Amino acid sequence: MPAEAGIASQRAGLQSLIDEEESRLEAPGFTGDNLLAEPHRPLTPETMRLLSGLPAELYANIAEHADRGEWYAICVTFDTDAIHVSASDTTTPADMGLGLGSGLDRYRTIIETCGGTFQTHTEQAHWQLEAVIPIDGDR
């Protein structure tokens, strides 16, 4: 399969996951932005699993912890040697002060073990995540 077809297929799979998760959030009243850029090259199956799992975990956390009346955003972009995943939402007052749950903590371990970075920041009720996943081996 030519690289372009592989890239298009992988992006279509990721977009399908994002569309499904966005629909699940819209049903109970969430509103947000869901952005997926075009990968520069095909990704390994391991990277695709990570890239499918992390956003799914982020959407699940939004459904569980975020304020339905506030905007959320999830963005996945690519550069030549890394994938950048960012997320932000506003937590409900009941969830103020919570740290990473076991799901996100697991992704932090996976990403940091492969040489990436995983940072969360909470200020008042605004929660943010920035993760950088290296893709050096995905050639």
C-alpha atoms as a PDB file:
ATOM      1  CA  MET A   1       0.000   0.000   0.000  1.00  0.00           C
ATOM      2  CA  PRO A   2       1.441   3.409  -0.917  1.00  0.00           C
ATOM      3  CA  ALA A   3       2.306   5.657   2.020  1.00  0.00           C
ATOM      4  CA  GLU A   4      -0.391   8.174   1.047  1.00  0.00           C
ATOM      5  CA  ALA A   5      -3.083   5.476   1.180  1.00  0.00           C
ATOM      6  CA  GLY A   6      -1.805   4.277   4.572  1.00  0.00           C
ATOM      7  CA  ILE A   7      -1.835   7.808   5.939  1.00  0.00           C
ATOM      8  CA  ALA A   8      -5.358   8.423   4.620  1.00  0.00           C
ATOM      9  CA  SER A   9      -6.595   5.142   6.087  1.00  0.00           C
ATOM     10  CA  GLN A  10      -5.076   5.838   9.501  1.00  0.00           C
ATOM     11  CA  ARG A  11      -6.444   9.387   9.561  1.00  0.00           C
ATOM     12  CA  ALA A  12      -9.899   8.128   8.564  1.00  0.00           C
ATOM     13  CA  GLY A  13      -9.812   5.617  11.427  1.00  0.00           C
ATOM     14  CA  LEU A  14      -8.822   8.296  13.914  1.00  0.00           C
ATOM     15  CA  GLN A  15     -11.448  10.714  12.565  1.00  0.00           C
ATOM     16  CA  SER A  16     -14.093   8.017  12.919  1.00  0.00           C
ATOM     17  CA  LEU A  17     -13.133   7.512  16.575  1.00  0.00           C
ATOM     18  CA  ILE A  18     -13.262  11.270  17.194  1.00  0.00           C
ATOM     19  CA  ASP A  19     -16.648  11.591  15.460  1.00  0.00           C
ATOM     20  CA  GLU A  20     -18.076   8.746  17.552  1.00  0.00           C
ATOM     21  CA  GLU A  21     -16.758  10.211  20.813  1.00  0.00           C
ATOM     22  CA  GLU A  22     -17.999  13.688  19.875  1.00  0.00           C
ATOM     23  CA  SER A  23     -21.494  12.269  19.263  1.00  0.00           C
ATOM     24  CA  ARG A  24     -21.428  10.573  22.660  1.00  0.00           C
ATOM     25  CA  LEU A  25     -20.581  13.886  24.318  1.00  0.00           C
ATOM     26  CA  GLU A  26     -23.178  15.863  22.373  1.00  0.00           C
ATOM     27  CA  ALA A  27     -26.023  13.608  23.560  1.00  0.00           C
ATOM     28  CA  PRO A  28     -25.775  14.750  27.219  1.00  0.00           C
ATOM     29  CA  GLY A  29     -25.147  18.379  26.179  1.00  0.00           C
ATOM     30  CA  PHE A  30     -21.367  18.851  25.856  1.00  0.00           C
ATOM     31  CA  THR A  31     -20.033  21.264  23.232  1.00  0.00           C
ATOM     32  CA  GLY A  32     -16.469  21.500  22.040  1.00  0.00           C
ATOM     33  CA  ASP A  33     -13.836  21.471  19.333  1.00  0.00           C
ATOM     34  CA  ASN A  34     -12.302  18.260  18.025  1.00  0.00           C
ATOM     35  CA  LEU A  35      -9.374  18.830  15.683  1.00  0.00           C
ATOM     36  CA  LEU A  36      -7.312  16.210  13.861  1.00  0.00           C
ATOM     37  CA  ALA A  37      -4.457  17.208  11.571  1.00  0.00           C
ATOM     38  CA  GLU A  38      -3.034  15.140   8.717  1.00  0.00           C
ATOM     39  CA  PRO A  39      -0.163  12.779   9.667  1.00  0.00           C
ATOM     40  CA  HIS A  40       3.069  13.262   7.705  1.00  0.00           C
ATOM     41  CA  ARG A  41       3.726   9.529   7.331  1.00  0.00           C
ATOM     42  CA  PRO A  42       2.165   6.191   8.225  1.00  0.00           C
ATOM     43  CA  LEU A  43       2.323   5.315  11.937  1.00  0.00           C
ATOM     44  CA  THR A  44       3.200   1.954  13.453  1.00  0.00           C
ATOM     45  CA  PRO A  45       0.394  -0.193  14.868  1.00  0.00           C
ATOM     46  CA  GLU A  46       1.707   0.517  18.396  1.00  0.00           C
ATOM     47  CA  THR A  47       1.569   4.273  17.844  1.00  0.00           C
ATOM     48  CA  MET A  48      -1.911   3.970  16.328  1.00  0.00           C
ATOM     49  CA  ARG A  49      -3.116   2.066  19.409  1.00  0.00           C
ATOM     50  CA  LEU A  50      -1.691   4.774  21.659  1.00  0.00           C
ATOM     51  CA  LEU A  51      -3.139   7.511  19.473  1.00  0.00           C
ATOM     52  CA  SER A  52      -6.563   5.847  19.545  1.00  0.00           C
ATOM     53  CA  GLY A  53      -6.517   5.084  23.264  1.00  0.00           C
ATOM     54  CA  LEU A  54      -5.392   8.437  24.637  1.00  0.00           C
ATOM     55  CA  PRO A  55      -8.152  10.506  22.993  1.00  0.00           C
ATOM     56  CA  ALA A  56     -10.733   7.878  23.995  1.00  0.00           C
ATOM     57  CA  GLU A  57      -9.561   8.258  27.605  1.00  0.00           C
ATOM     58  CA  LEU A  58      -9.722  12.055  27.313  1.00  0.00           C
ATOM     59  CA  TYR A  59     -13.295  11.924  26.001  1.00  0.00           C
ATOM     60  CA  ALA A  60     -14.304   9.549  28.801  1.00  0.00           C
ATOM     61  CA  ASN A  61     -12.805  11.942  31.356  1.00  0.00           C
ATOM     62  CA  ILE A  62     -14.657  14.890  29.841  1.00  0.00           C
ATOM     63  CA  ALA A  63     -17.928  12.951  30.131  1.00  0.00           C
ATOM     64  CA  GLU A  64     -17.183  12.105  33.750  1.00  0.00           C
ATOM     65  CA  HIS A  65     -15.524  15.234  35.122  1.00  0.00           C
ATOM     66  CA  ALA A  66     -16.186  18.252  32.880  1.00  0.00           C
ATOM     67  CA  ASP A  67     -18.870  20.894  33.185  1.00  0.00           C
ATOM     68  CA  ARG A  68     -21.471  20.378  30.423  1.00  0.00           C
ATOM     69  CA  GLY A  69     -22.084  24.113  30.246  1.00  0.00           C
ATOM     70  CA  GLU A  70     -18.470  24.903  29.375  1.00  0.00           C
ATOM     71  CA  TRP A  71     -16.498  24.361  26.169  1.00  0.00           C
ATOM     72  CA  TYR A  72     -13.972  21.530  25.781  1.00  0.00           C
ATOM     73  CA  ALA A  73     -11.275  21.035  23.140  1.00  0.00           C
ATOM     74  CA  ILE A  74      -9.153  18.129  21.964  1.00  0.00           C
ATOM     75  CA  CYS A  75      -6.506  18.678  19.300  1.00  0.00           C
ATOM     76  CA  VAL A  76      -4.172  16.153  17.640  1.00  0.00           C
ATOM     77  CA  THR A  77      -1.416  17.540  15.407  1.00  0.00           C
ATOM     78  CA  PHE A  78       1.690  16.083  13.795  1.00  0.00           C
ATOM     79  CA  ASP A  79       5.122  17.395  13.009  1.00  0.00           C
ATOM     80  CA  THR A  80       8.023  15.514  11.450  1.00  0.00           C
ATOM     81  CA  ASP A  81       9.097  13.715  14.629  1.00  0.00           C
ATOM     82  CA  ALA A  82       6.199  13.890  17.101  1.00  0.00           C
ATOM     83  CA  ILE A  83       2.476  13.794  17.680  1.00  0.00           C
ATOM     84  CA  HIS A  84       1.042  16.587  19.816  1.00  0.00           C
ATOM     85  CA  VAL A  85      -2.145  15.945  21.769  1.00  0.00           C
ATOM     86  CA  SER A  86      -3.757  18.744  23.724  1.00  0.00           C
ATOM     87  CA  ALA A  87      -6.989  18.853  25.660  1.00  0.00           C
ATOM     88  CA  SER A  88      -8.763  21.368  27.826  1.00  0.00           C
ATOM     89  CA  ASP A  89     -12.023  21.566  29.695  1.00  0.00           C
ATOM     90  CA  THR A  90     -13.618  23.075  32.754  1.00  0.00           C
ATOM     91  CA  THR A  91     -14.198  20.708  35.635  1.00  0.00           C
ATOM     92  CA  THR A  92     -17.353  20.643  37.697  1.00  0.00           C
ATOM     93  CA  PRO A  93     -17.087  21.998  41.255  1.00  0.00           C
ATOM     94  CA  ALA A  94     -17.354  18.410  42.601  1.00  0.00           C
ATOM     95  CA  ASP A  95     -14.195  17.444  40.685  1.00  0.00           C
ATOM     96  CA  MET A  96     -12.021  20.395  41.702  1.00  0.00           C
ATOM     97  CA  GLY A  97      -8.678  19.282  43.060  1.00  0.00           C
ATOM     98  CA  LEU A  98      -8.689  15.805  41.548  1.00  0.00           C
ATOM     99  CA  GLY A  99      -5.420  14.593  40.111  1.00  0.00           C
ATOM    100  CA  LEU A 100      -4.723  12.144  37.340  1.00  0.00           C
ATOM    101  CA  GLY A 101      -6.911   9.092  37.333  1.00  0.00           C
ATOM    102  CA  SER A 102      -5.471   5.663  36.659  1.00  0.00           C
ATOM    103  CA  GLY A 103      -6.276   5.857  32.926  1.00  0.00           C
ATOM    104  CA  LEU A 104      -4.371   9.066  32.262  1.00  0.00           C
ATOM    105  CA  ASP A 105      -1.601   8.001  34.619  1.00  0.00           C
ATOM    106  CA  ARG A 106      -1.158   4.864  32.498  1.00  0.00           C
ATOM    107  CA  TYR A 107      -0.826   6.995  29.344  1.00  0.00           C
ATOM    108  CA  ARG A 108       1.659   9.281  31.106  1.00  0.00           C
ATOM    109  CA  THR A 109       3.833   6.235  31.884  1.00  0.00           C
ATOM    110  CA  ILE A 110       3.636   4.898  28.321  1.00  0.00           C
ATOM    111  CA  ILE A 111       4.419   8.275  26.731  1.00  0.00           C
ATOM    112  CA  GLU A 112       7.258   9.156  29.102  1.00  0.00           C
ATOM    113  CA  THR A 113       8.768   5.653  28.745  1.00  0.00           C
ATOM    114  CA  CYS A 114       9.021   6.145  24.969  1.00  0.00           C
ATOM    115  CA  GLY A 115      10.734   9.526  25.457  1.00  0.00           C
ATOM    116  CA  GLY A 116       7.712  11.802  25.190  1.00  0.00           C
ATOM    117  CA  THR A 117       6.289  14.371  27.555  1.00  0.00           C
ATOM    118  CA  PHE A 118       2.948  14.444  29.358  1.00  0.00           C
ATOM    119  CA  GLN A 119       1.904  17.478  31.357  1.00  0.00           C
ATOM    120  CA  THR A 120      -1.354  18.494  32.979  1.00  0.00           C
ATOM    121  CA  HIS A 121      -2.178  21.826  34.500  1.00  0.00           C
ATOM    122  CA  THR A 122      -5.153  22.959  36.517  1.00  0.00           C
ATOM    123  CA  GLU A 123      -5.881  26.570  37.327  1.00  0.00           C
ATOM    124  CA  GLN A 124      -9.102  27.219  39.171  1.00  0.00           C
ATOM    125  CA  ALA A 125     -11.579  25.033  37.258  1.00  0.00           C
ATOM    126  CA  HIS A 126      -9.692  25.024  33.938  1.00  0.00           C
ATOM    127  CA  TRP A 127      -7.883  21.733  33.189  1.00  0.00           C
ATOM    128  CA  GLN A 128      -5.299  21.287  30.403  1.00  0.00           C
ATOM    129  CA  LEU A 129      -3.192  18.456  29.026  1.00  0.00           C
ATOM    130  CA  GLU A 130      -0.248  18.660  26.655  1.00  0.00           C
ATOM    131  CA  ALA A 131       1.340  15.410  25.470  1.00  0.00           C
ATOM    132  CA  VAL A 132       4.126  14.942  22.937  1.00  0.00           C
ATOM    133  CA  ILE A 133       4.582  11.446  21.546  1.00  0.00           C
ATOM    134  CA  PRO A 134       7.802  10.820  19.583  1.00  0.00           C
ATOM    135  CA  ILE A 135       7.442   9.035  16.255  1.00  0.00           C
ATOM    136  CA  ASP A 136      11.099   8.537  15.311  1.00  0.00           C
ATOM    137  CA  GLY A 137      10.617   4.804  14.770  1.00  0.00           C
ATOM    138  CA  ASP A 138       7.493   5.207  12.613  1.00  0.00           C
ATOM    139  CA  ARG A 139       9.150   5.250   9.198  1.00  0.00           C
END
